[in-house]
Amino acid sequence: AVLLCSALLRNEREGFPGRYYGTDIDPHAGYLLAPPYDSVGQILF
């Protein structure tokens, strides 16, 4: 998630915005997706 969002942040700086959605049944999943990377992504539990 954080790796893909880092790619999206670079894309955004180049004029190509995008959004990441991750899905997981574990409510504790995705702890690495934190600022600034969560500005372009979120987890759907």
PDB file of all heavy atoms in Angstrom:
ATOM      1  N   ALA A   1       0.823  -1.211   0.000  1.00  0.00           N
ATOM      2  CA  ALA A   1       0.000   0.000   0.000  1.00  0.00           C
ATOM      3  C   ALA A   1       0.856   1.259   0.000  1.00  0.00           C
ATOM      4  O   ALA A   1       0.647   2.174  -0.803  1.00  0.00           O
ATOM      5  CB  ALA A   1      -0.924  -0.005   1.218  1.00  0.00           C
ATOM      6  N   VAL A   2       1.830   1.316   0.905  1.00  0.00           N
ATOM      7  CA  VAL A   2       2.664   2.522   0.990  1.00  0.00           C
ATOM      8  C   VAL A   2       3.548   2.653  -0.241  1.00  0.00           C
ATOM      9  O   VAL A   2       3.823   3.768  -0.713  1.00  0.00           O
ATOM     10  CB  VAL A   2       3.480   2.514   2.298  1.00  0.00           C
ATOM     11  CG1 VAL A   2       4.597   1.477   2.262  1.00  0.00           C
ATOM     12  CG2 VAL A   2       4.065   3.890   2.585  1.00  0.00           C
ATOM     13  N   LEU A   3       3.973   1.536  -0.805  1.00  0.00           N
ATOM     14  CA  LEU A   3       4.794   1.567  -2.010  1.00  0.00           C
ATOM     15  C   LEU A   3       3.987   2.107  -3.186  1.00  0.00           C
ATOM     16  O   LEU A   3       4.459   2.971  -3.949  1.00  0.00           O
ATOM     17  CB  LEU A   3       5.312   0.164  -2.312  1.00  0.00           C
ATOM     18  CG  LEU A   3       6.240   0.011  -3.507  1.00  0.00           C
ATOM     19  CD1 LEU A   3       7.523   0.805  -3.309  1.00  0.00           C
ATOM     20  CD2 LEU A   3       6.557  -1.464  -3.749  1.00  0.00           C
ATOM     21  N   LEU A   4       2.779   1.617  -3.362  1.00  0.00           N
ATOM     22  CA  LEU A   4       1.928   2.074  -4.455  1.00  0.00           C
ATOM     23  C   LEU A   4       1.546   3.543  -4.284  1.00  0.00           C
ATOM     24  O   LEU A   4       1.487   4.295  -5.263  1.00  0.00           O
ATOM     25  CB  LEU A   4       0.673   1.205  -4.536  1.00  0.00           C
ATOM     26  CG  LEU A   4       0.911  -0.229  -5.026  1.00  0.00           C
ATOM     27  CD1 LEU A   4      -0.296  -1.111  -4.723  1.00  0.00           C
ATOM     28  CD2 LEU A   4       1.221  -0.250  -6.527  1.00  0.00           C
ATOM     29  N   CYS A   5       1.301   3.950  -3.045  1.00  0.00           N
ATOM     30  CA  CYS A   5       0.956   5.348  -2.805  1.00  0.00           C
ATOM     31  C   CYS A   5       2.145   6.264  -3.044  1.00  0.00           C
ATOM     32  O   CYS A   5       1.977   7.418  -3.463  1.00  0.00           O
ATOM     33  CB  CYS A   5       0.406   5.524  -1.390  1.00  0.00           C
ATOM     34  SG  CYS A   5      -1.291   4.898  -1.203  1.00  0.00           S
ATOM     35  N   SER A   6       3.342   5.766  -2.805  1.00  0.00           N
ATOM     36  CA  SER A   6       4.520   6.577  -3.122  1.00  0.00           C
ATOM     37  C   SER A   6       4.620   6.785  -4.632  1.00  0.00           C
ATOM     38  O   SER A   6       5.020   7.854  -5.100  1.00  0.00           O
ATOM     39  CB  SER A   6       5.792   5.926  -2.575  1.00  0.00           C
ATOM     40  OG  SER A   6       6.135   4.746  -3.283  1.00  0.00           O
ATOM     41  N   ALA A   7       4.234   5.756  -5.408  1.00  0.00           N
ATOM     42  CA  ALA A   7       4.192   5.907  -6.867  1.00  0.00           C
ATOM     43  C   ALA A   7       3.136   6.934  -7.266  1.00  0.00           C
ATOM     44  O   ALA A   7       3.368   7.771  -8.157  1.00  0.00           O
ATOM     45  CB  ALA A   7       3.896   4.562  -7.527  1.00  0.00           C
ATOM     46  N   LEU A   8       1.977   6.903  -6.618  1.00  0.00           N
ATOM     47  CA  LEU A   8       0.911   7.852  -6.938  1.00  0.00           C
ATOM     48  C   LEU A   8       1.321   9.284  -6.607  1.00  0.00           C
ATOM     49  O   LEU A   8       0.962  10.220  -7.334  1.00  0.00           O
ATOM     50  CB  LEU A   8      -0.366   7.481  -6.182  1.00  0.00           C
ATOM     51  CG  LEU A   8      -1.080   6.211  -6.650  1.00  0.00           C
ATOM     52  CD1 LEU A   8      -2.294   5.920  -5.777  1.00  0.00           C
ATOM     53  CD2 LEU A   8      -1.491   6.318  -8.112  1.00  0.00           C
ATOM     54  N   LEU A   9       2.066   9.464  -5.525  1.00  0.00           N
ATOM     55  CA  LEU A   9       2.530  10.806  -5.173  1.00  0.00           C
ATOM     56  C   LEU A   9       3.480  11.345  -6.236  1.00  0.00           C
ATOM     57  O   LEU A   9       3.434  12.527  -6.595  1.00  0.00           O
ATOM     58  CB  LEU A   9       3.197  10.786  -3.801  1.00  0.00           C
ATOM     59  CG  LEU A   9       2.263  10.648  -2.599  1.00  0.00           C
ATOM     60  CD1 LEU A   9       3.060  10.478  -1.314  1.00  0.00           C
ATOM     61  CD2 LEU A   9       1.333  11.854  -2.493  1.00  0.00           C
ATOM     62  N   ARG A  10       4.353  10.492  -6.743  1.00  0.00           N
ATOM     63  CA  ARG A  10       5.246  10.924  -7.821  1.00  0.00           C
ATOM     64  C   ARG A  10       4.454  11.237  -9.086  1.00  0.00           C
ATOM     65  O   ARG A  10       4.731  12.221  -9.777  1.00  0.00           O
ATOM     66  CB  ARG A  10       6.290   9.841  -8.109  1.00  0.00           C
ATOM     67  CG  ARG A  10       7.392   9.730  -7.055  1.00  0.00           C
ATOM     68  CD  ARG A  10       8.405   8.677  -7.459  1.00  0.00           C
ATOM     69  NE  ARG A  10       9.417   8.461  -6.446  1.00  0.00           N
ATOM     70  CZ  ARG A  10      10.643   8.989  -6.466  1.00  0.00           C
ATOM     71  NH1 ARG A  10      10.974   9.799  -7.452  1.00  0.00           N
ATOM     72  NH2 ARG A  10      11.512   8.734  -5.508  1.00  0.00           N
ATOM     73  N   ASN A  11       3.464  10.386  -9.379  1.00  0.00           N
ATOM     74  CA  ASN A  11       2.618  10.652 -10.547  1.00  0.00           C
ATOM     75  C   ASN A  11       1.900  11.994 -10.413  1.00  0.00           C
ATOM     76  O   ASN A  11       1.779  12.753 -11.379  1.00  0.00           O
ATOM     77  CB  ASN A  11       1.580   9.541 -10.711  1.00  0.00           C
ATOM     78  CG  ASN A  11       2.186   8.221 -11.134  1.00  0.00           C
ATOM     79  OD1 ASN A  11       3.333   8.163 -11.561  1.00  0.00           O
ATOM     80  ND2 ASN A  11       1.415   7.162 -11.013  1.00  0.00           N
ATOM     81  N   GLU A  12       1.414  12.265  -9.205  1.00  0.00           N
ATOM     82  CA  GLU A  12       0.685  13.506  -8.959  1.00  0.00           C
ATOM     83  C   GLU A  12       1.573  14.718  -9.198  1.00  0.00           C
ATOM     84  O   GLU A  12       1.136  15.724  -9.782  1.00  0.00           O
ATOM     85  CB  GLU A  12       0.160  13.505  -7.523  1.00  0.00           C
ATOM     86  CG  GLU A  12      -0.757  14.665  -7.187  1.00  0.00           C
ATOM     87  CD  GLU A  12      -1.349  14.519  -5.800  1.00  0.00           C
ATOM     88  OE1 GLU A  12      -0.554  14.556  -4.811  1.00  0.00           O
ATOM     89  OE2 GLU A  12      -2.574  14.356  -5.678  1.00  0.00           O
ATOM     90  N   ARG A  13       2.823  14.637  -8.772  1.00  0.00           N
ATOM     91  CA  ARG A  13       3.751  15.751  -8.981  1.00  0.00           C
ATOM     92  C   ARG A  13       4.034  15.964 -10.478  1.00  0.00           C
ATOM     93  O   ARG A  13       4.434  17.059 -10.884  1.00  0.00           O
ATOM     94  CB  ARG A  13       5.053  15.508  -8.217  1.00  0.00           C
ATOM     95  CG  ARG A  13       4.905  15.597  -6.705  1.00  0.00           C
ATOM     96  CD  ARG A  13       6.236  15.706  -6.008  1.00  0.00           C
ATOM     97  NE  ARG A  13       7.010  14.485  -6.077  1.00  0.00           N
ATOM     98  CZ  ARG A  13       6.954  13.507  -5.179  1.00  0.00           C
ATOM     99  NH1 ARG A  13       6.127  13.594  -4.145  1.00  0.00           N
ATOM    100  NH2 ARG A  13       7.710  12.433  -5.299  1.00  0.00           N
ATOM    101  N   GLU A  14       3.824  14.920 -11.260  1.00  0.00           N
ATOM    102  CA  GLU A  14       4.039  15.011 -12.704  1.00  0.00           C
ATOM    103  C   GLU A  14       2.747  15.368 -13.448  1.00  0.00           C
ATOM    104  O   GLU A  14       2.722  15.379 -14.690  1.00  0.00           O
ATOM    105  CB  GLU A  14       4.600  13.690 -13.227  1.00  0.00           C
ATOM    106  CG  GLU A  14       5.991  13.370 -12.676  1.00  0.00           C
ATOM    107  CD  GLU A  14       6.473  11.980 -13.055  1.00  0.00           C
ATOM    108  OE1 GLU A  14       5.732  11.263 -13.770  1.00  0.00           O
ATOM    109  OE2 GLU A  14       7.579  11.605 -12.628  1.00  0.00           O
ATOM    110  N   GLY A  15       1.669  15.625 -12.698  1.00  0.00           N
ATOM    111  CA  GLY A  15       0.416  16.035 -13.310  1.00  0.00           C
ATOM    112  C   GLY A  15      -0.577  14.925 -13.571  1.00  0.00           C
ATOM    113  O   GLY A  15      -1.535  15.114 -14.325  1.00  0.00           O
ATOM    114  N   PHE A  16      -0.374  13.752 -12.927  1.00  0.00           N
ATOM    115  CA  PHE A  16      -1.265  12.615 -13.130  1.00  0.00           C
ATOM    116  C   PHE A  16      -1.779  12.102 -11.778  1.00  0.00           C
ATOM    117  O   PHE A  16      -1.249  11.138 -11.231  1.00  0.00           O
ATOM    118  CB  PHE A  16      -0.547  11.487 -13.868  1.00  0.00           C
ATOM    119  CG  PHE A  16      -0.058  11.860 -15.233  1.00  0.00           C
ATOM    120  CD1 PHE A  16       1.263  12.231 -15.429  1.00  0.00           C
ATOM    121  CD2 PHE A  16      -0.926  11.872 -16.313  1.00  0.00           C
ATOM    122  CE1 PHE A  16       1.713  12.576 -16.690  1.00  0.00           C
ATOM    123  CE2 PHE A  16      -0.481  12.217 -17.581  1.00  0.00           C
ATOM    124  CZ  PHE A  16       0.843  12.580 -17.765  1.00  0.00           C
ATOM    125  N   PRO A  17      -2.803  12.736 -11.219  1.00  0.00           N
ATOM    126  CA  PRO A  17      -3.322  12.301  -9.916  1.00  0.00           C
ATOM    127  C   PRO A  17      -3.995  10.937  -9.985  1.00  0.00           C
ATOM    128  O   PRO A  17      -4.525  10.539 -11.030  1.00  0.00           O
ATOM    129  CB  PRO A  17      -4.326  13.395  -9.555  1.00  0.00           C
ATOM    130  CG  PRO A  17      -4.767  13.941 -10.882  1.00  0.00           C
ATOM    131  CD  PRO A  17      -3.550  13.876 -11.769  1.00  0.00           C
ATOM    132  N   GLY A  18      -3.967  10.207  -8.881  1.00  0.00           N
ATOM    133  CA  GLY A  18      -4.602   8.903  -8.800  1.00  0.00           C
ATOM    134  C   GLY A  18      -4.933   8.579  -7.358  1.00  0.00           C
ATOM    135  O   GLY A  18      -4.529   9.288  -6.434  1.00  0.00           O
ATOM    136  N   ARG A  19      -5.665   7.490  -7.172  1.00  0.00           N
ATOM    137  CA  ARG A  19      -6.128   7.111  -5.828  1.00  0.00           C
ATOM    138  C   ARG A  19      -5.925   5.621  -5.622  1.00  0.00           C
ATOM    139  O   ARG A  19      -6.122   4.816  -6.544  1.00  0.00           O
ATOM    140  CB  ARG A  19      -7.607   7.456  -5.685  1.00  0.00           C
ATOM    141  CG  ARG A  19      -8.166   7.306  -4.283  1.00  0.00           C
ATOM    142  CD  ARG A  19      -7.756   8.451  -3.411  1.00  0.00           C
ATOM    143  NE  ARG A  19      -8.239   8.283  -2.025  1.00  0.00           N
ATOM    144  CZ  ARG A  19      -7.830   9.036  -1.009  1.00  0.00           C
ATOM    145  NH1 ARG A  19      -6.954  10.006  -1.223  1.00  0.00           N
ATOM    146  NH2 ARG A  19      -8.286   8.829   0.204  1.00  0.00           N
ATOM    147  N   TYR A  20      -5.518   5.240  -4.413  1.00  0.00           N
ATOM    148  CA  TYR A  20      -5.326   3.840  -4.025  1.00  0.00           C
ATOM    149  C   TYR A  20      -6.404   3.428  -3.024  1.00  0.00           C
ATOM    150  O   TYR A  20      -6.715   4.178  -2.086  1.00  0.00           O
ATOM    151  CB  TYR A  20      -3.951   3.660  -3.378  1.00  0.00           C
ATOM    152  CG  TYR A  20      -3.791   2.362  -2.606  1.00  0.00           C
ATOM    153  CD1 TYR A  20      -3.304   1.205  -3.218  1.00  0.00           C
ATOM    154  CD2 TYR A  20      -4.142   2.279  -1.258  1.00  0.00           C
ATOM    155  CE1 TYR A  20      -3.165   0.020  -2.516  1.00  0.00           C
ATOM    156  CE2 TYR A  20      -4.006   1.093  -0.543  1.00  0.00           C
ATOM    157  CZ  TYR A  20      -3.517  -0.030  -1.175  1.00  0.00           C
ATOM    158  OH  TYR A  20      -3.386  -1.200  -0.472  1.00  0.00           O
ATOM    159  N   TYR A  21      -6.960   2.225  -3.231  1.00  0.00           N
ATOM    160  CA  TYR A  21      -7.871   1.619  -2.257  1.00  0.00           C
ATOM    161  C   TYR A  21      -7.374   0.207  -1.952  1.00  0.00           C
ATOM    162  O   TYR A  21      -7.188  -0.612  -2.863  1.00  0.00           O
ATOM    163  CB  TYR A  21      -9.301   1.542  -2.803  1.00  0.00           C
ATOM    164  CG  TYR A  21      -9.942   2.887  -3.008  1.00  0.00           C
ATOM    165  CD1 TYR A  21      -9.927   3.491  -4.261  1.00  0.00           C
ATOM    166  CD2 TYR A  21     -10.550   3.562  -1.951  1.00  0.00           C
ATOM    167  CE1 TYR A  21     -10.498   4.740  -4.466  1.00  0.00           C
ATOM    168  CE2 TYR A  21     -11.132   4.815  -2.146  1.00  0.00           C
ATOM    169  CZ  TYR A  21     -11.099   5.392  -3.397  1.00  0.00           C
ATOM    170  OH  TYR A  21     -11.667   6.637  -3.592  1.00  0.00           O
ATOM    171  N   GLY A  22      -7.136  -0.053  -0.676  1.00  0.00           N
ATOM    172  CA  GLY A  22      -6.787  -1.387  -0.239  1.00  0.00           C
ATOM    173  C   GLY A  22      -7.937  -1.986   0.526  1.00  0.00           C
ATOM    174  O   GLY A  22      -8.695  -1.267   1.190  1.00  0.00           O
ATOM    175  N   THR A  23      -8.121  -3.310   0.439  1.00  0.00           N
ATOM    176  CA  THR A  23      -9.186  -3.968   1.195  1.00  0.00           C
ATOM    177  C   THR A  23      -8.579  -5.025   2.104  1.00  0.00           C
ATOM    178  O   THR A  23      -7.632  -5.715   1.719  1.00  0.00           O
ATOM    179  CB  THR A  23     -10.216  -4.639   0.266  1.00  0.00           C
ATOM    180  OG1 THR A  23      -9.628  -5.790  -0.364  1.00  0.00           O
ATOM    181  CG2 THR A  23     -10.682  -3.670  -0.814  1.00  0.00           C
ATOM    182  N   ASP A  24      -9.110  -5.132   3.302  1.00  0.00           N
ATOM    183  CA  ASP A  24      -8.632  -6.147   4.235  1.00  0.00           C
ATOM    184  C   ASP A  24      -9.686  -6.377   5.309  1.00  0.00           C
ATOM    185  O   ASP A  24     -10.355  -5.438   5.756  1.00  0.00           O
ATOM    186  CB  ASP A  24      -7.314  -5.729   4.888  1.00  0.00           C
ATOM    187  CG  ASP A  24      -6.492  -6.927   5.327  1.00  0.00           C
ATOM    188  OD1 ASP A  24      -6.909  -7.630   6.280  1.00  0.00           O
ATOM    189  OD2 ASP A  24      -5.446  -7.201   4.718  1.00  0.00           O
ATOM    190  N   ILE A  25      -9.802  -7.625   5.724  1.00  0.00           N
ATOM    191  CA  ILE A  25     -10.786  -7.975   6.754  1.00  0.00           C
ATOM    192  C   ILE A  25     -10.267  -7.697   8.156  1.00  0.00           C
ATOM    193  O   ILE A  25     -11.025  -7.604   9.112  1.00  0.00           O
ATOM    194  CB  ILE A  25     -11.196  -9.458   6.597  1.00  0.00           C
ATOM    195  CG1 ILE A  25     -12.520  -9.725   7.314  1.00  0.00           C
ATOM    196  CG2 ILE A  25     -10.077 -10.394   7.074  1.00  0.00           C
ATOM    197  CD1 ILE A  25     -13.130 -11.071   6.978  1.00  0.00           C
ATOM    198  N   ASP A  26      -8.948  -7.537   8.301  1.00  0.00           N
ATOM    199  CA  ASP A  26      -8.314  -7.283   9.593  1.00  0.00           C
ATOM    200  C   ASP A  26      -8.336  -5.784   9.886  1.00  0.00           C
ATOM    201  O   ASP A  26      -7.727  -4.993   9.157  1.00  0.00           O
ATOM    202  CB  ASP A  26      -6.867  -7.783   9.568  1.00  0.00           C
ATOM    203  CG  ASP A  26      -6.146  -7.576  10.892  1.00  0.00           C
ATOM    204  OD1 ASP A  26      -6.739  -6.998  11.827  1.00  0.00           O
ATOM    205  OD2 ASP A  26      -4.970  -7.990  10.991  1.00  0.00           O
ATOM    206  N   PRO A  27      -9.013  -5.349  10.956  1.00  0.00           N
ATOM    207  CA  PRO A  27      -9.103  -3.913  11.250  1.00  0.00           C
ATOM    208  C   PRO A  27      -7.777  -3.276  11.632  1.00  0.00           C
ATOM    209  O   PRO A  27      -7.672  -2.050  11.687  1.00  0.00           O
ATOM    210  CB  PRO A  27     -10.099  -3.851  12.417  1.00  0.00           C
ATOM    211  CG  PRO A  27     -10.016  -5.196  13.059  1.00  0.00           C
ATOM    212  CD  PRO A  27      -9.759  -6.161  11.942  1.00  0.00           C
ATOM    213  N   HIS A  28      -6.753  -4.090  11.892  1.00  0.00           N
ATOM    214  CA  HIS A  28      -5.433  -3.565  12.247  1.00  0.00           C
ATOM    215  C   HIS A  28      -4.492  -3.517  11.051  1.00  0.00           C
ATOM    216  O   HIS A  28      -3.330  -3.111  11.187  1.00  0.00           O
ATOM    217  CB  HIS A  28      -4.801  -4.426  13.344  1.00  0.00           C
ATOM    218  CG  HIS A  28      -5.607  -4.493  14.599  1.00  0.00           C
ATOM    219  ND1 HIS A  28      -5.773  -3.422  15.450  1.00  0.00           N
ATOM    220  CD2 HIS A  28      -6.327  -5.520  15.145  1.00  0.00           C
ATOM    221  CE1 HIS A  28      -6.532  -3.770  16.465  1.00  0.00           C
ATOM    222  NE2 HIS A  28      -6.884  -5.030  16.303  1.00  0.00           N
ATOM    223  N   ALA A  29      -4.970  -3.932   9.889  1.00  0.00           N
ATOM    224  CA  ALA A  29      -4.102  -3.996   8.708  1.00  0.00           C
ATOM    225  C   ALA A  29      -3.766  -2.595   8.200  1.00  0.00           C
ATOM    226  O   ALA A  29      -4.474  -1.630   8.460  1.00  0.00           O
ATOM    227  CB  ALA A  29      -4.788  -4.798   7.602  1.00  0.00           C
ATOM    228  N   GLY A  30      -2.659  -2.519   7.468  1.00  0.00           N
ATOM    229  CA  GLY A  30      -2.305  -1.279   6.787  1.00  0.00           C
ATOM    230  C   GLY A  30      -1.666  -0.213   7.647  1.00  0.00           C
ATOM    231  O   GLY A  30      -1.758   0.969   7.323  1.00  0.00           O
ATOM    232  N   TYR A  31      -0.979  -0.610   8.733  1.00  0.00           N
ATOM    233  CA  TYR A  31      -0.421   0.414   9.622  1.00  0.00           C
ATOM    234  C   TYR A  31       0.699   1.225   8.966  1.00  0.00           C
ATOM    235  O   TYR A  31       1.017   2.337   9.404  1.00  0.00           O
ATOM    236  CB  TYR A  31       0.075  -0.197  10.936  1.00  0.00           C
ATOM    237  CG  TYR A  31       1.229  -1.168  10.823  1.00  0.00           C
ATOM    238  CD1 TYR A  31       2.536  -0.719  10.721  1.00  0.00           C
ATOM    239  CD2 TYR A  31       1.001  -2.543  10.848  1.00  0.00           C
ATOM    240  CE1 TYR A  31       3.595  -1.614  10.645  1.00  0.00           C
ATOM    241  CE2 TYR A  31       2.058  -3.438  10.761  1.00  0.00           C
ATOM    242  CZ  TYR A  31       3.352  -2.968  10.666  1.00  0.00           C
ATOM    243  OH  TYR A  31       4.389  -3.852  10.589  1.00  0.00           O
ATOM    244  N   LEU A  32       1.294   0.713   7.888  1.00  0.00           N
ATOM    245  CA  LEU A  32       2.332   1.479   7.195  1.00  0.00           C
ATOM    246  C   LEU A  32       1.763   2.618   6.351  1.00  0.00           C
ATOM    247  O   LEU A  32       2.488   3.553   5.991  1.00  0.00           O
ATOM    248  CB  LEU A  32       3.158   0.559   6.290  1.00  0.00           C
ATOM    249  CG  LEU A  32       4.084  -0.437   6.978  1.00  0.00           C
ATOM    250  CD1 LEU A  32       4.780  -1.320   5.939  1.00  0.00           C
ATOM    251  CD2 LEU A  32       5.124   0.274   7.830  1.00  0.00           C
ATOM    252  N   LEU A  33       0.477   2.558   6.036  1.00  0.00           N
ATOM    253  CA  LEU A  33      -0.152   3.603   5.228  1.00  0.00           C
ATOM    254  C   LEU A  33      -0.504   4.779   6.133  1.00  0.00           C
ATOM    255  O   LEU A  33      -1.611   4.906   6.645  1.00  0.00           O
ATOM    256  CB  LEU A  33      -1.394   3.071   4.514  1.00  0.00           C
ATOM    257  CG  LEU A  33      -2.031   4.039   3.506  1.00  0.00           C
ATOM    258  CD1 LEU A  33      -1.038   4.447   2.428  1.00  0.00           C
ATOM    259  CD2 LEU A  33      -3.263   3.422   2.873  1.00  0.00           C
ATOM    260  N   ALA A  34       0.476   5.633   6.336  1.00  0.00           N
ATOM    261  CA  ALA A  34       0.368   6.790   7.219  1.00  0.00           C
ATOM    262  C   ALA A  34       0.877   8.011   6.473  1.00  0.00           C
ATOM    263  O   ALA A  34       1.413   7.898   5.362  1.00  0.00           O
ATOM    264  CB  ALA A  34       1.180   6.544   8.488  1.00  0.00           C
ATOM    265  N   PRO A  35       0.697   9.222   7.041  1.00  0.00           N
ATOM    266  CA  PRO A  35       1.159  10.432   6.349  1.00  0.00           C
ATOM    267  C   PRO A  35       2.628  10.337   5.951  1.00  0.00           C
ATOM    268  O   PRO A  35       3.432   9.788   6.694  1.00  0.00           O
ATOM    269  CB  PRO A  35       0.940  11.530   7.409  1.00  0.00           C
ATOM    270  CG  PRO A  35      -0.170  11.003   8.268  1.00  0.00           C
ATOM    271  CD  PRO A  35       0.060   9.525   8.329  1.00  0.00           C
ATOM    272  N   PRO A  36       2.972  10.835   4.762  1.00  0.00           N
ATOM    273  CA  PRO A  36       2.115  11.557   3.797  1.00  0.00           C
ATOM    274  C   PRO A  36       1.433  10.643   2.786  1.00  0.00           C
ATOM    275  O   PRO A  36       0.663  11.112   1.943  1.00  0.00           O
ATOM    276  CB  PRO A  36       3.139  12.442   3.075  1.00  0.00           C
ATOM    277  CG  PRO A  36       4.371  11.592   3.023  1.00  0.00           C
ATOM    278  CD  PRO A  36       4.391  10.860   4.340  1.00  0.00           C
ATOM    279  N   TYR A  37       1.679   9.351   2.876  1.00  0.00           N
ATOM    280  CA  TYR A  37       1.219   8.424   1.831  1.00  0.00           C
ATOM    281  C   TYR A  37      -0.293   8.212   1.855  1.00  0.00           C
ATOM    282  O   TYR A  37      -0.890   7.916   0.814  1.00  0.00           O
ATOM    283  CB  TYR A  37       1.977   7.103   1.953  1.00  0.00           C
ATOM    284  CG  TYR A  37       3.470   7.313   1.870  1.00  0.00           C
ATOM    285  CD1 TYR A  37       4.245   7.380   3.028  1.00  0.00           C
ATOM    286  CD2 TYR A  37       4.100   7.511   0.652  1.00  0.00           C
ATOM    287  CE1 TYR A  37       5.617   7.623   2.965  1.00  0.00           C
ATOM    288  CE2 TYR A  37       5.470   7.757   0.571  1.00  0.00           C
ATOM    289  CZ  TYR A  37       6.218   7.814   1.737  1.00  0.00           C
ATOM    290  OH  TYR A  37       7.574   8.070   1.668  1.00  0.00           O
ATOM    291  N   ASP A  38      -0.911   8.384   3.016  1.00  0.00           N
ATOM    292  CA  ASP A  38      -2.357   8.187   3.085  1.00  0.00           C
ATOM    293  C   ASP A  38      -3.143   9.338   2.465  1.00  0.00           C
ATOM    294  O   ASP A  38      -4.373   9.288   2.405  1.00  0.00           O
ATOM    295  CB  ASP A  38      -2.801   7.947   4.529  1.00  0.00           C
ATOM    296  CG  ASP A  38      -2.490   9.117   5.456  1.00  0.00           C
ATOM    297  OD1 ASP A  38      -1.755  10.045   5.029  1.00  0.00           O
ATOM    298  OD2 ASP A  38      -2.948   9.102   6.607  1.00  0.00           O
ATOM    299  N   SER A  39      -2.444  10.370   1.999  1.00  0.00           N
ATOM    300  CA  SER A  39      -3.136  11.464   1.322  1.00  0.00           C
ATOM    301  C   SER A  39      -3.683  11.029  -0.036  1.00  0.00           C
ATOM    302  O   SER A  39      -4.576  11.686  -0.593  1.00  0.00           O
ATOM    303  CB  SER A  39      -2.195  12.660   1.137  1.00  0.00           C
ATOM    304  OG  SER A  39      -1.121  12.337   0.259  1.00  0.00           O
ATOM    305  N   VAL A  40      -3.163   9.927  -0.573  1.00  0.00           N
ATOM    306  CA  VAL A  40      -3.638   9.433  -1.875  1.00  0.00           C
ATOM    307  C   VAL A  40      -4.197   8.010  -1.772  1.00  0.00           C
ATOM    308  O   VAL A  40      -4.425   7.356  -2.794  1.00  0.00           O
ATOM    309  CB  VAL A  40      -2.515   9.475  -2.935  1.00  0.00           C
ATOM    310  CG1 VAL A  40      -2.148  10.905  -3.260  1.00  0.00           C
ATOM    311  CG2 VAL A  40      -1.299   8.688  -2.473  1.00  0.00           C
ATOM    312  N   GLY A  41      -4.409   7.526  -0.546  1.00  0.00           N
ATOM    313  CA  GLY A  41      -4.900   6.158  -0.408  1.00  0.00           C
ATOM    314  C   GLY A  41      -5.612   5.915   0.905  1.00  0.00           C
ATOM    315  O   GLY A  41      -5.437   6.659   1.872  1.00  0.00           O
ATOM    316  N   GLN A  42      -6.398   4.847   0.938  1.00  0.00           N
ATOM    317  CA  GLN A  42      -7.105   4.470   2.151  1.00  0.00           C
ATOM    318  C   GLN A  42      -7.404   2.979   2.142  1.00  0.00           C
ATOM    319  O   GLN A  42      -7.381   2.331   1.085  1.00  0.00           O
ATOM    320  CB  GLN A  42      -8.408   5.258   2.295  1.00  0.00           C
ATOM    321  CG  GLN A  42      -9.461   4.916   1.256  1.00  0.00           C
ATOM    322  CD  GLN A  42     -10.691   5.789   1.355  1.00  0.00           C
ATOM    323  OE1 GLN A  42     -10.776   6.837   0.708  1.00  0.00           O
ATOM    324  NE2 GLN A  42     -11.645   5.360   2.182  1.00  0.00           N
ATOM    325  N   ILE A  43      -7.668   2.437   3.339  1.00  0.00           N
ATOM    326  CA  ILE A  43      -8.006   1.024   3.500  1.00  0.00           C
ATOM    327  C   ILE A  43      -9.512   0.891   3.701  1.00  0.00           C
ATOM    328  O   ILE A  43     -10.092   1.601   4.536  1.00  0.00           O
ATOM    329  CB  ILE A  43      -7.263   0.401   4.703  1.00  0.00           C
ATOM    330  CG1 ILE A  43      -5.773   0.719   4.649  1.00  0.00           C
ATOM    331  CG2 ILE A  43      -7.506  -1.103   4.737  1.00  0.00           C
ATOM    332  CD1 ILE A  43      -5.060   0.192   3.450  1.00  0.00           C
ATOM    333  N   LEU A  44     -10.130  -0.004   2.949  1.00  0.00           N
ATOM    334  CA  LEU A  44     -11.546  -0.338   3.131  1.00  0.00           C
ATOM    335  C   LEU A  44     -11.606  -1.641   3.914  1.00  0.00           C
ATOM    336  O   LEU A  44     -11.220  -2.692   3.405  1.00  0.00           O
ATOM    337  CB  LEU A  44     -12.240  -0.483   1.777  1.00  0.00           C
ATOM    338  CG  LEU A  44     -12.101   0.699   0.809  1.00  0.00           C
ATOM    339  CD1 LEU A  44     -12.773   0.370  -0.527  1.00  0.00           C
ATOM    340  CD2 LEU A  44     -12.698   1.971   1.412  1.00  0.00           C
ATOM    341  N   PHE A  45     -12.081  -1.584   5.149  1.00  0.00           N
ATOM    342  CA  PHE A  45     -12.089  -2.768   6.007  1.00  0.00           C
ATOM    343  C   PHE A  45     -13.370  -3.570   5.817  1.00  0.00           C
ATOM    344  O   PHE A  45     -14.450  -3.020   5.650  1.00  0.00           O
ATOM    345  CB  PHE A  45     -11.919  -2.351   7.469  1.00  0.00           C
ATOM    346  CG  PHE A  45     -10.582  -1.721   7.748  1.00  0.00           C
ATOM    347  CD1 PHE A  45     -10.467  -0.356   7.941  1.00  0.00           C
ATOM    348  CD2 PHE A  45      -9.440  -2.502   7.806  1.00  0.00           C
ATOM    349  CE1 PHE A  45      -9.240   0.229   8.186  1.00  0.00           C
ATOM    350  CE2 PHE A  45      -8.204  -1.930   8.048  1.00  0.00           C
ATOM    351  CZ  PHE A  45      -8.094  -0.559   8.238  1.00  0.00           C
TER     352      PHE A  45
END
